[in-house]
C-alpha cells in the first residue's frame, strides 16, 4: 500500500465516522504542527464533494475555520510566550537578540506577507503564525492577511478536488513532483517584492 493510499484510507475512516467535525480537528491539528498533508486533505475533501458525501460550501467553511482557528491560537501562543521571553532575556543573548530585532523589523515591513503566501508552502504555514505573534505583529494586520489567505487556500484546493473528481490523485502527484519548484518560485516572488519595495522607498 502506498503512502497516498494510507492517507486516503485514514481520511476516509475519520470523515466517514465523524463527518465535518473530523475535518475541523484534522485541519486544526495540522496547522498547529501535527504532520498532516493539508493540501491532500483539501483536495480529497473536494473529491468527496464530487461524490455527494460532503457539501461544497460546508466543506470549505469547516476547512477554513479549522485552519484559521489554529493560526489564531498559534499567534497568541507566540505573542504570549515568545515575545515576553525575548524581552526579558534577549538582551543577555547579544548577537542573537540583534538578529531577532532585524528579523522583527523585516517581518513588520515585508515578512507579514508570508502569512497568506505561507499557506501554499508545506512546513512554512505552521510557523508563520507563531512568528507573527513572537514579533508582536498587530492582531488586526494578522487577521486580515491570515484569514484572507486561508480562505483563498481552502477554496482553491477544495474546488480543484471537486472539479477533478476521481482524477484528484493526479493533482496530488503533480504537486508532489513539483513542490520544490513551487516553493522556490514563491520565495523568489517574496524576495523580489521585498527588494522592489525597498528600492522604491529609497528612491522616494
N, C-alpha and C. Protein backbone atom coordinates (compact mmCIF):
# COMPACT_ATOMS: atom_id res chain seq x y z
N UNK A 1 0.85 -1.20 0.00
CA UNK A 1 0.00 0.00 0.00
C UNK A 1 0.88 1.25 0.00
N UNK A 2 0.62 2.16 -0.91
CA UNK A 2 1.41 3.38 -1.00
C UNK A 2 1.05 4.35 0.11
N UNK A 3 1.94 5.35 0.30
CA UNK A 3 1.68 6.36 1.32
C UNK A 3 0.40 7.12 1.03
N UNK A 4 0.12 7.39 -0.24
CA UNK A 4 -1.10 8.11 -0.60
C UNK A 4 -2.34 7.30 -0.26
N UNK A 5 -2.30 5.99 -0.54
CA UNK A 5 -3.45 5.13 -0.23
C UNK A 5 -3.70 5.08 1.27
N UNK A 6 -2.62 5.04 2.04
CA UNK A 6 -2.78 5.02 3.51
C UNK A 6 -3.42 6.32 3.99
N UNK A 7 -2.98 7.45 3.41
CA UNK A 7 -3.55 8.75 3.78
C UNK A 7 -5.04 8.79 3.45
N UNK A 8 -5.39 8.32 2.24
CA UNK A 8 -6.78 8.34 1.80
C UNK A 8 -7.64 7.47 2.72
N UNK A 9 -7.14 6.30 3.07
CA UNK A 9 -7.91 5.41 3.95
C UNK A 9 -8.10 6.03 5.32
N UNK A 10 -7.06 6.68 5.83
CA UNK A 10 -7.16 7.32 7.14
C UNK A 10 -8.19 8.44 7.11
N UNK A 11 -8.11 9.31 6.10
CA UNK A 11 -9.07 10.40 5.97
C UNK A 11 -10.49 9.87 5.80
N UNK A 12 -10.62 8.83 4.97
CA UNK A 12 -11.94 8.26 4.72
C UNK A 12 -12.56 7.73 6.00
N UNK A 13 -11.75 7.07 6.82
CA UNK A 13 -12.26 6.50 8.06
C UNK A 13 -12.78 7.60 8.99
N UNK A 14 -11.95 8.61 9.22
CA UNK A 14 -12.34 9.67 10.16
C UNK A 14 -13.53 10.47 9.65
N UNK A 15 -13.51 10.81 8.36
CA UNK A 15 -14.60 11.62 7.81
C UNK A 15 -15.89 10.82 7.76
N UNK A 16 -15.79 9.53 7.43
CA UNK A 16 -16.99 8.69 7.37
C UNK A 16 -17.64 8.54 8.74
N UNK A 17 -16.82 8.48 9.79
CA UNK A 17 -17.33 8.26 11.14
C UNK A 17 -17.68 9.54 11.88
N UNK A 18 -16.95 10.62 11.59
CA UNK A 18 -17.13 11.84 12.37
C UNK A 18 -17.49 13.07 11.53
N UNK A 19 -17.55 12.91 10.20
CA UNK A 19 -18.02 13.97 9.33
C UNK A 19 -17.21 15.25 9.40
N UNK A 20 -17.92 16.38 9.42
CA UNK A 20 -17.27 17.68 9.37
C UNK A 20 -16.44 17.95 10.63
N UNK A 21 -16.82 17.36 11.74
CA UNK A 21 -16.05 17.53 12.96
C UNK A 21 -14.63 17.00 12.77
N UNK A 22 -14.50 15.87 12.08
CA UNK A 22 -13.17 15.30 11.80
C UNK A 22 -12.36 16.24 10.92
N UNK A 23 -13.01 16.83 9.92
CA UNK A 23 -12.31 17.78 9.06
C UNK A 23 -11.75 18.95 9.87
N UNK A 24 -12.60 19.50 10.73
CA UNK A 24 -12.18 20.64 11.55
C UNK A 24 -10.98 20.27 12.41
N UNK A 25 -11.06 19.15 13.09
CA UNK A 25 -9.99 18.74 14.01
C UNK A 25 -8.70 18.46 13.24
N UNK A 26 -8.79 17.79 12.09
CA UNK A 26 -7.61 17.48 11.31
C UNK A 26 -6.89 18.75 10.86
N UNK A 27 -7.66 19.73 10.40
CA UNK A 27 -7.03 20.98 9.98
C UNK A 27 -6.47 21.76 11.16
N UNK A 28 -7.18 21.75 12.25
CA UNK A 28 -6.73 22.45 13.45
C UNK A 28 -5.39 21.88 13.91
N UNK A 29 -5.31 20.56 14.02
CA UNK A 29 -4.08 19.93 14.48
C UNK A 29 -2.95 20.07 13.46
N UNK A 30 -3.29 19.97 12.18
CA UNK A 30 -2.27 20.10 11.14
C UNK A 30 -1.61 21.46 11.12
N UNK A 31 -2.40 22.51 11.24
CA UNK A 31 -1.85 23.86 11.24
C UNK A 31 -1.03 24.11 12.50
N UNK A 32 -1.42 23.53 13.62
CA UNK A 32 -0.67 23.71 14.86
C UNK A 32 0.67 23.00 14.84
N UNK A 33 0.85 22.07 13.91
CA UNK A 33 2.15 21.44 13.81
C UNK A 33 2.14 19.93 13.66
N UNK A 34 1.00 19.27 13.81
CA UNK A 34 0.96 17.82 13.60
C UNK A 34 1.24 17.52 12.13
N UNK A 35 2.08 16.52 11.85
CA UNK A 35 2.46 16.23 10.46
C UNK A 35 1.31 15.64 9.64
N UNK A 36 0.46 16.50 9.11
CA UNK A 36 -0.64 16.08 8.26
C UNK A 36 -0.53 16.81 6.92
N UNK A 37 -0.80 16.12 5.80
CA UNK A 37 -0.74 16.76 4.48
C UNK A 37 -2.02 17.53 4.18
N UNK A 38 -2.05 18.81 4.59
CA UNK A 38 -3.30 19.56 4.50
C UNK A 38 -3.79 19.74 3.06
N UNK A 39 -2.86 19.98 2.11
CA UNK A 39 -3.31 20.12 0.72
C UNK A 39 -4.00 18.87 0.22
N UNK A 40 -3.42 17.71 0.57
CA UNK A 40 -4.03 16.45 0.17
C UNK A 40 -5.42 16.31 0.77
N UNK A 41 -5.54 16.69 2.02
CA UNK A 41 -6.84 16.61 2.69
C UNK A 41 -7.85 17.55 2.03
N UNK A 42 -7.42 18.75 1.66
CA UNK A 42 -8.31 19.69 0.98
C UNK A 42 -8.81 19.12 -0.34
N UNK A 43 -7.88 18.62 -1.14
CA UNK A 43 -8.25 18.09 -2.46
C UNK A 43 -9.12 16.84 -2.31
N UNK A 44 -8.78 15.99 -1.35
CA UNK A 44 -9.58 14.79 -1.11
C UNK A 44 -10.98 15.16 -0.63
N UNK A 45 -11.07 16.21 0.17
CA UNK A 45 -12.39 16.69 0.61
C UNK A 45 -13.21 17.15 -0.58
N UNK A 46 -12.53 17.83 -1.53
CA UNK A 46 -13.21 18.23 -2.75
C UNK A 46 -13.71 17.04 -3.55
N UNK A 47 -12.91 15.98 -3.57
CA UNK A 47 -13.33 14.75 -4.24
C UNK A 47 -14.59 14.19 -3.58
N UNK A 48 -14.64 14.21 -2.23
CA UNK A 48 -15.83 13.73 -1.52
C UNK A 48 -17.05 14.60 -1.83
N UNK A 49 -16.82 15.87 -2.10
CA UNK A 49 -17.91 16.75 -2.54
C UNK A 49 -18.44 16.26 -3.88
N UNK A 50 -17.53 15.88 -4.77
CA UNK A 50 -17.95 15.42 -6.11
C UNK A 50 -18.75 14.13 -6.04
N UNK A 51 -18.54 13.33 -5.00
CA UNK A 51 -19.29 12.07 -4.85
C UNK A 51 -20.58 12.25 -4.06
N UNK A 52 -20.79 13.46 -3.53
CA UNK A 52 -22.00 13.71 -2.78
C UNK A 52 -21.90 13.41 -1.30
N UNK A 53 -20.73 12.98 -0.82
CA UNK A 53 -20.58 12.66 0.60
C UNK A 53 -20.46 13.91 1.47
N UNK A 54 -19.99 14.99 0.88
CA UNK A 54 -19.87 16.26 1.59
C UNK A 54 -20.49 17.36 0.74
N UNK A 55 -20.88 18.45 1.39
CA UNK A 55 -21.43 19.60 0.68
C UNK A 55 -20.31 20.61 0.41
N UNK A 56 -20.34 21.22 -0.75
CA UNK A 56 -19.25 22.11 -1.18
C UNK A 56 -19.03 23.26 -0.20
N UNK A 57 -20.05 24.06 0.06
CA UNK A 57 -19.90 25.24 0.91
C UNK A 57 -19.53 24.86 2.34
N UNK A 58 -20.17 23.85 2.87
CA UNK A 58 -19.88 23.40 4.24
C UNK A 58 -18.45 22.91 4.36
N UNK A 59 -17.97 22.20 3.35
CA UNK A 59 -16.60 21.68 3.39
C UNK A 59 -15.59 22.80 3.42
N UNK A 60 -15.77 23.78 2.56
CA UNK A 60 -14.86 24.93 2.54
C UNK A 60 -14.90 25.66 3.87
N UNK A 61 -16.09 25.87 4.39
CA UNK A 61 -16.25 26.61 5.64
C UNK A 61 -15.56 25.89 6.80
N UNK A 62 -15.74 24.58 6.90
CA UNK A 62 -15.16 23.82 8.00
C UNK A 62 -13.63 23.79 7.89
N UNK A 63 -13.11 23.54 6.69
CA UNK A 63 -11.66 23.53 6.49
C UNK A 63 -11.06 24.90 6.81
N UNK A 64 -11.75 25.93 6.38
CA UNK A 64 -11.30 27.30 6.62
C UNK A 64 -11.30 27.63 8.11
N UNK A 65 -12.39 27.30 8.80
CA UNK A 65 -12.48 27.59 10.23
C UNK A 65 -11.44 26.80 11.02
N UNK A 66 -11.20 25.55 10.64
CA UNK A 66 -10.19 24.76 11.32
C UNK A 66 -8.81 25.37 11.19
N UNK A 67 -8.48 25.86 9.98
CA UNK A 67 -7.15 26.42 9.75
C UNK A 67 -6.97 27.76 10.45
N UNK A 68 -7.96 28.66 10.35
CA UNK A 68 -7.76 29.98 10.96
C UNK A 68 -7.87 29.92 12.49
N UNK A 69 -8.62 28.96 13.01
CA UNK A 69 -8.67 28.79 14.47
C UNK A 69 -7.29 28.43 15.00
N UNK A 70 -6.64 27.49 14.30
CA UNK A 70 -5.31 27.07 14.71
C UNK A 70 -4.29 28.20 14.53
N UNK A 71 -4.39 28.93 13.43
CA UNK A 71 -3.47 30.04 13.19
C UNK A 71 -3.63 31.11 14.27
N UNK A 72 -4.86 31.38 14.66
CA UNK A 72 -5.11 32.39 15.69
C UNK A 72 -4.54 31.94 17.03
N UNK A 73 -4.75 30.69 17.38
CA UNK A 73 -4.20 30.16 18.63
C UNK A 73 -2.67 30.22 18.60
N UNK A 74 -2.07 29.84 17.47
CA UNK A 74 -0.61 29.88 17.34
C UNK A 74 -0.09 31.30 17.50
N UNK A 75 -0.81 32.26 16.95
CA UNK A 75 -0.40 33.67 17.09
C UNK A 75 -0.35 34.07 18.56
N UNK A 76 -1.40 33.74 19.30
CA UNK A 76 -1.45 34.15 20.71
C UNK A 76 -0.47 33.37 21.57
N UNK A 77 -0.18 32.13 21.18
CA UNK A 77 0.87 31.39 21.88
C UNK A 77 2.21 32.08 21.67
N UNK A 78 2.49 32.43 20.41
CA UNK A 78 3.74 33.13 20.11
C UNK A 78 3.84 34.47 20.80
N UNK A 79 2.74 35.19 20.82
CA UNK A 79 2.75 36.52 21.44
C UNK A 79 2.81 36.43 22.96
N UNK A 80 2.13 35.44 23.54
CA UNK A 80 2.09 35.34 24.98
C UNK A 80 3.34 34.76 25.60
N UNK A 81 3.98 33.82 24.90
CA UNK A 81 5.15 33.16 25.46
C UNK A 81 6.46 33.62 24.84
N UNK A 82 6.45 33.76 23.50
CA UNK A 82 7.71 34.08 22.82
C UNK A 82 8.20 35.48 23.05
N UNK A 83 7.36 36.47 22.84
CA UNK A 83 7.81 37.86 22.92
C UNK A 83 8.23 38.27 24.33
N UNK A 84 7.45 37.98 25.38
CA UNK A 84 7.90 38.33 26.73
C UNK A 84 9.22 37.66 27.11
N UNK A 85 9.41 36.42 26.65
CA UNK A 85 10.66 35.72 26.94
C UNK A 85 11.84 36.45 26.32
N UNK A 86 11.67 36.87 25.05
CA UNK A 86 12.75 37.57 24.37
C UNK A 86 13.00 38.93 24.99
N UNK A 87 11.93 39.62 25.36
CA UNK A 87 12.07 40.92 26.01
C UNK A 87 12.82 40.80 27.34
N UNK A 88 12.56 39.73 28.05
CA UNK A 88 13.16 39.57 29.38
C UNK A 88 14.60 39.10 29.31
N UNK A 89 14.87 38.13 28.40
CA UNK A 89 16.19 37.52 28.37
C UNK A 89 17.00 37.84 27.12
N UNK A 90 16.35 38.44 26.13
CA UNK A 90 17.01 38.64 24.86
C UNK A 90 18.26 39.50 24.91
N UNK A 91 18.24 40.55 25.71
CA UNK A 91 19.38 41.46 25.77
C UNK A 91 20.62 40.78 26.33
N UNK A 92 20.42 39.68 27.03
CA UNK A 92 21.57 38.92 27.53
C UNK A 92 22.16 38.02 26.46
N UNK A 93 21.43 37.89 25.33
CA UNK A 93 21.86 36.97 24.27
C UNK A 93 22.79 37.64 23.27
N UNK A 94 22.96 38.93 23.37
CA UNK A 94 23.90 39.63 22.49
C UNK A 94 23.54 39.54 21.03
N UNK A 95 24.36 38.82 20.28
CA UNK A 95 24.21 38.72 18.83
C UNK A 95 22.85 38.14 18.46
N UNK A 96 22.38 37.13 19.22
CA UNK A 96 21.10 36.51 18.92
C UNK A 96 19.95 37.50 19.00
N UNK A 97 20.00 38.39 19.96
CA UNK A 97 18.94 39.38 20.11
C UNK A 97 18.99 40.40 18.97
N UNK A 98 20.19 40.72 18.51
CA UNK A 98 20.33 41.64 17.36
C UNK A 98 19.67 41.04 16.13
N UNK A 99 19.90 39.76 15.92
CA UNK A 99 19.26 39.07 14.78
C UNK A 99 17.74 39.10 14.94
N UNK A 100 17.28 38.88 16.16
CA UNK A 100 15.83 38.92 16.40
C UNK A 100 15.25 40.28 16.03
N UNK A 101 15.94 41.36 16.44
CA UNK A 101 15.44 42.70 16.14
C UNK A 101 15.37 42.95 14.65
N UNK A 102 16.42 42.52 13.93
CA UNK A 102 16.42 42.70 12.48
C UNK A 102 15.31 41.88 11.82
N UNK A 103 15.13 40.65 12.33
CA UNK A 103 14.07 39.80 11.79
C UNK A 103 12.70 40.39 12.07
N UNK A 104 12.54 40.95 13.26
CA UNK A 104 11.28 41.59 13.62
C UNK A 104 10.98 42.76 12.69
N UNK A 105 12.00 43.58 12.40
CA UNK A 105 11.82 44.71 11.50
C UNK A 105 11.42 44.23 10.11
N UNK A 106 12.09 43.17 9.64
CA UNK A 106 11.78 42.64 8.31
C UNK A 106 10.36 42.10 8.27
N UNK A 107 9.97 41.38 9.33
CA UNK A 107 8.64 40.78 9.35
C UNK A 107 7.57 41.85 9.34
N UNK A 108 7.80 42.95 10.07
CA UNK A 108 6.81 44.01 10.13
C UNK A 108 6.72 44.75 8.80
N UNK A 109 7.85 44.88 8.08
CA UNK A 109 7.83 45.60 6.80
C UNK A 109 7.30 44.72 5.67
N UNK A 110 7.85 43.52 5.55
CA UNK A 110 7.56 42.69 4.39
C UNK A 110 7.20 41.26 4.76
N UNK A 111 7.80 40.75 5.82
CA UNK A 111 7.62 39.36 6.17
C UNK A 111 6.20 38.98 6.47
N UNK A 112 5.37 39.97 6.82
CA UNK A 112 3.97 39.65 7.12
C UNK A 112 3.26 39.05 5.92
N UNK A 113 3.78 39.30 4.71
CA UNK A 113 3.17 38.71 3.52
C UNK A 113 3.41 37.21 3.46
N UNK A 114 4.31 36.71 4.34
CA UNK A 114 4.49 35.27 4.42
C UNK A 114 3.27 34.59 5.02
N UNK A 115 2.42 35.36 5.70
CA UNK A 115 1.21 34.78 6.30
C UNK A 115 0.25 34.22 5.24
N UNK A 116 -0.15 35.02 4.24
CA UNK A 116 -1.02 34.44 3.21
C UNK A 116 -0.28 33.50 2.26
N UNK A 117 0.98 33.85 1.90
CA UNK A 117 1.73 33.00 0.99
C UNK A 117 2.15 31.69 1.64
N UNK A 118 2.37 31.74 2.96
CA UNK A 118 2.83 30.55 3.66
C UNK A 118 1.86 29.40 3.63
N UNK A 119 0.57 29.69 3.44
CA UNK A 119 -0.42 28.62 3.33
C UNK A 119 -0.06 27.64 2.21
N UNK A 120 0.58 28.15 1.16
CA UNK A 120 0.84 27.34 -0.02
C UNK A 120 2.20 26.65 0.04
N UNK A 121 2.91 26.78 1.18
CA UNK A 121 4.23 26.16 1.31
C UNK A 121 4.20 25.21 2.50
N UNK A 122 4.15 23.88 2.26
CA UNK A 122 4.13 22.93 3.37
C UNK A 122 5.35 23.12 4.27
N UNK A 123 5.14 23.09 5.56
CA UNK A 123 6.22 23.26 6.51
C UNK A 123 6.47 24.70 6.89
N UNK A 124 5.88 25.64 6.14
CA UNK A 124 6.05 27.07 6.44
C UNK A 124 4.83 27.61 7.15
N UNK A 125 3.64 27.22 6.68
CA UNK A 125 2.42 27.78 7.26
C UNK A 125 2.30 27.47 8.76
N UNK A 126 2.93 26.36 9.20
CA UNK A 126 2.84 26.01 10.61
C UNK A 126 3.62 26.97 11.51
N UNK A 127 4.55 27.74 10.93
CA UNK A 127 5.40 28.61 11.74
C UNK A 127 5.09 30.09 11.60
N UNK A 128 4.43 30.49 10.53
CA UNK A 128 4.22 31.91 10.29
C UNK A 128 3.40 32.57 11.38
N UNK A 129 2.37 31.89 11.85
CA UNK A 129 1.51 32.49 12.88
C UNK A 129 2.26 32.62 14.20
N UNK A 130 3.04 31.59 14.56
CA UNK A 130 3.83 31.69 15.79
C UNK A 130 4.77 32.90 15.71
N UNK A 131 5.44 33.03 14.57
CA UNK A 131 6.41 34.11 14.45
C UNK A 131 5.73 35.47 14.39
N UNK A 132 4.54 35.53 13.81
CA UNK A 132 3.79 36.79 13.81
C UNK A 132 3.50 37.23 15.24
N UNK A 133 3.17 36.28 16.09
CA UNK A 133 2.92 36.60 17.50
C UNK A 133 4.19 36.98 18.23
N UNK A 134 5.26 36.23 18.00
CA UNK A 134 6.53 36.50 18.67
C UNK A 134 7.06 37.88 18.33
N UNK A 135 6.90 38.29 17.06
CA UNK A 135 7.38 39.61 16.63
C UNK A 135 6.37 40.72 16.90
N UNK A 136 5.29 40.37 17.58
CA UNK A 136 4.31 41.37 18.01
C UNK A 136 3.62 42.08 16.85
N UNK A 137 3.38 41.35 15.76
CA UNK A 137 2.62 41.92 14.64
C UNK A 137 1.23 42.28 15.14
N UNK A 138 0.73 43.50 14.86
CA UNK A 138 -0.61 43.88 15.33
C UNK A 138 -1.66 42.85 14.91
N UNK A 139 -2.53 42.50 15.84
CA UNK A 139 -3.51 41.45 15.58
C UNK A 139 -4.44 41.77 14.41
N UNK A 140 -4.90 43.02 14.23
CA UNK A 140 -5.75 43.30 13.05
C UNK A 140 -5.04 43.01 11.74
N UNK A 141 -3.75 43.34 11.65
CA UNK A 141 -2.99 43.03 10.43
C UNK A 141 -2.88 41.52 10.25
N UNK A 142 -2.61 40.83 11.34
CA UNK A 142 -2.53 39.37 11.29
C UNK A 142 -3.84 38.77 10.80
N UNK A 143 -4.96 39.27 11.32
CA UNK A 143 -6.26 38.74 10.94
C UNK A 143 -6.52 38.90 9.45
N UNK A 144 -6.28 40.09 8.93
CA UNK A 144 -6.58 40.35 7.52
C UNK A 144 -5.75 39.43 6.63
N UNK A 145 -4.44 39.40 6.86
CA UNK A 145 -3.54 38.63 6.00
C UNK A 145 -3.79 37.13 6.13
N UNK A 146 -3.97 36.67 7.35
CA UNK A 146 -4.12 35.24 7.59
C UNK A 146 -5.49 34.74 7.16
N UNK A 147 -6.53 35.47 7.49
CA UNK A 147 -7.88 34.99 7.20
C UNK A 147 -8.19 35.03 5.71
N UNK A 148 -7.69 36.05 5.02
CA UNK A 148 -7.89 36.11 3.57
C UNK A 148 -7.09 35.00 2.88
N UNK A 149 -5.83 34.83 3.29
CA UNK A 149 -5.00 33.78 2.71
C UNK A 149 -5.60 32.40 2.93
N UNK A 150 -6.12 32.16 4.13
CA UNK A 150 -6.73 30.86 4.43
C UNK A 150 -7.97 30.59 3.61
N UNK A 151 -8.75 31.64 3.35
CA UNK A 151 -9.96 31.47 2.55
C UNK A 151 -9.62 31.12 1.11
N UNK A 152 -8.64 31.83 0.54
CA UNK A 152 -8.22 31.54 -0.85
C UNK A 152 -7.68 30.13 -0.94
N UNK A 153 -6.85 29.74 0.00
CA UNK A 153 -6.24 28.40 0.05
C UNK A 153 -7.30 27.32 0.12
N UNK A 154 -8.28 27.49 0.99
CA UNK A 154 -9.33 26.49 1.16
C UNK A 154 -10.19 26.37 -0.09
N UNK A 155 -10.63 27.51 -0.62
CA UNK A 155 -11.49 27.49 -1.81
C UNK A 155 -10.76 26.86 -2.99
N UNK A 156 -9.48 27.24 -3.18
CA UNK A 156 -8.73 26.77 -4.35
C UNK A 156 -8.60 25.26 -4.37
N UNK A 157 -8.12 24.67 -3.29
CA UNK A 157 -7.84 23.23 -3.31
C UNK A 157 -9.11 22.38 -3.20
N UNK A 158 -10.09 22.83 -2.45
CA UNK A 158 -11.35 22.07 -2.40
C UNK A 158 -12.02 22.09 -3.77
N UNK A 159 -12.01 23.24 -4.42
CA UNK A 159 -12.63 23.35 -5.75
C UNK A 159 -11.90 22.49 -6.77
N UNK A 160 -10.56 22.45 -6.70
CA UNK A 160 -9.80 21.59 -7.61
C UNK A 160 -10.18 20.13 -7.42
N UNK A 161 -10.26 19.69 -6.17
CA UNK A 161 -10.65 18.30 -5.91
C UNK A 161 -12.07 18.01 -6.38
N UNK A 162 -12.96 18.96 -6.19
CA UNK A 162 -14.35 18.81 -6.62
C UNK A 162 -14.46 18.69 -8.14
N UNK A 163 -13.73 19.55 -8.85
CA UNK A 163 -13.79 19.54 -10.31
C UNK A 163 -13.08 18.34 -10.92
N UNK A 164 -11.99 17.91 -10.29
CA UNK A 164 -11.25 16.78 -10.83
C UNK A 164 -11.93 15.45 -10.55
N UNK A 165 -12.70 15.39 -9.47
CA UNK A 165 -13.38 14.14 -9.15
C UNK A 165 -12.39 13.02 -8.88
N UNK A 166 -12.57 11.89 -9.56
CA UNK A 166 -11.71 10.73 -9.34
C UNK A 166 -10.29 10.96 -9.82
N UNK A 167 -10.06 12.01 -10.56
CA UNK A 167 -8.70 12.33 -11.02
C UNK A 167 -7.93 13.16 -10.02
N UNK A 168 -8.46 13.34 -8.81
CA UNK A 168 -7.83 14.21 -7.84
C UNK A 168 -6.41 13.75 -7.48
N UNK A 169 -6.15 12.43 -7.55
CA UNK A 169 -4.84 11.92 -7.21
C UNK A 169 -3.78 12.43 -8.18
N UNK A 170 -4.19 12.73 -9.40
CA UNK A 170 -3.24 13.26 -10.38
C UNK A 170 -2.71 14.62 -9.93
N UNK A 171 -3.59 15.42 -9.33
CA UNK A 171 -3.17 16.72 -8.82
C UNK A 171 -2.19 16.54 -7.67
N UNK A 172 -2.47 15.59 -6.79
CA UNK A 172 -1.57 15.33 -5.67
C UNK A 172 -0.19 14.95 -6.17
N UNK A 173 -0.15 14.05 -7.16
CA UNK A 173 1.14 13.62 -7.70
C UNK A 173 1.87 14.77 -8.38
N UNK A 174 1.12 15.62 -9.08
CA UNK A 174 1.72 16.78 -9.74
C UNK A 174 2.33 17.73 -8.71
N UNK A 175 1.61 18.00 -7.63
CA UNK A 175 2.12 18.87 -6.58
C UNK A 175 3.35 18.25 -5.93
N UNK A 176 3.31 16.94 -5.68
CA UNK A 176 4.42 16.26 -5.03
C UNK A 176 5.69 16.34 -5.87
N UNK A 177 5.54 16.18 -7.19
CA UNK A 177 6.71 16.20 -8.07
C UNK A 177 7.30 17.59 -8.22
N UNK A 178 6.45 18.60 -8.12
CA UNK A 178 6.90 19.96 -8.41
C UNK A 178 6.92 20.87 -7.20
N UNK A 179 6.83 20.29 -6.00
CA UNK A 179 6.74 21.13 -4.80
C UNK A 179 7.97 22.00 -4.63
N UNK A 180 9.17 21.46 -4.97
CA UNK A 180 10.39 22.25 -4.83
C UNK A 180 10.35 23.47 -5.74
N UNK A 181 9.86 23.29 -6.97
CA UNK A 181 9.77 24.40 -7.92
C UNK A 181 8.77 25.43 -7.42
N UNK A 182 7.65 24.96 -6.88
CA UNK A 182 6.62 25.86 -6.37
C UNK A 182 7.17 26.69 -5.21
N UNK A 183 7.86 26.03 -4.28
CA UNK A 183 8.41 26.72 -3.12
C UNK A 183 9.42 27.78 -3.55
N UNK A 184 10.34 27.40 -4.45
CA UNK A 184 11.35 28.35 -4.92
C UNK A 184 10.70 29.53 -5.62
N UNK A 185 9.69 29.27 -6.44
CA UNK A 185 9.00 30.35 -7.16
C UNK A 185 8.35 31.32 -6.19
N UNK A 186 7.68 30.78 -5.15
CA UNK A 186 7.04 31.66 -4.16
C UNK A 186 8.06 32.47 -3.41
N UNK A 187 9.17 31.83 -2.99
CA UNK A 187 10.21 32.55 -2.25
C UNK A 187 10.84 33.64 -3.09
N UNK A 188 11.09 33.33 -4.36
CA UNK A 188 11.66 34.34 -5.25
C UNK A 188 10.70 35.51 -5.43
N UNK A 189 9.41 35.19 -5.49
CA UNK A 189 8.41 36.26 -5.59
C UNK A 189 8.42 37.16 -4.37
N UNK A 190 8.52 36.55 -3.19
CA UNK A 190 8.56 37.33 -1.95
C UNK A 190 9.80 38.19 -1.89
N UNK A 191 10.95 37.60 -2.24
CA UNK A 191 12.21 38.36 -2.24
C UNK A 191 12.16 39.51 -3.23
N UNK A 192 11.65 39.21 -4.44
CA UNK A 192 11.55 40.26 -5.46
C UNK A 192 10.66 41.40 -5.02
N UNK A 193 9.54 41.07 -4.40
CA UNK A 193 8.63 42.10 -3.91
C UNK A 193 9.29 42.93 -2.81
N UNK A 194 10.04 42.26 -1.93
CA UNK A 194 10.74 42.96 -0.84
C UNK A 194 11.76 43.95 -1.40
N UNK A 195 12.54 43.48 -2.39
CA UNK A 195 13.55 44.37 -2.99
C UNK A 195 12.90 45.54 -3.71
N UNK A 196 11.79 45.27 -4.39
CA UNK A 196 11.09 46.34 -5.10
C UNK A 196 10.63 47.42 -4.13
N UNK A 197 10.01 47.02 -3.03
CA UNK A 197 9.53 47.99 -2.04
C UNK A 197 10.69 48.74 -1.40
N UNK A 198 11.79 48.02 -1.16
CA UNK A 198 12.95 48.65 -0.53
C UNK A 198 13.52 49.76 -1.41
N UNK A 199 13.76 49.44 -2.69
CA UNK A 199 14.35 50.44 -3.60
C UNK A 199 13.37 51.55 -3.94
N UNK A 200 12.09 51.22 -3.99
CA UNK A 200 11.09 52.26 -4.23
C UNK A 200 11.04 53.25 -3.08
N UNK A 201 11.16 52.72 -1.84
CA UNK A 201 11.16 53.58 -0.67
C UNK A 201 12.38 54.47 -0.64
N UNK A 202 13.54 53.91 -1.03
CA UNK A 202 14.79 54.69 -1.04
C UNK A 202 14.76 55.79 -2.10
N UNK A 203 14.13 55.47 -3.25
CA UNK A 203 14.09 56.44 -4.34
C UNK A 203 13.19 57.62 -4.02
N UNK A 204 12.21 57.37 -3.12
CA UNK A 204 11.32 58.46 -2.72
C UNK A 204 11.95 59.31 -1.62
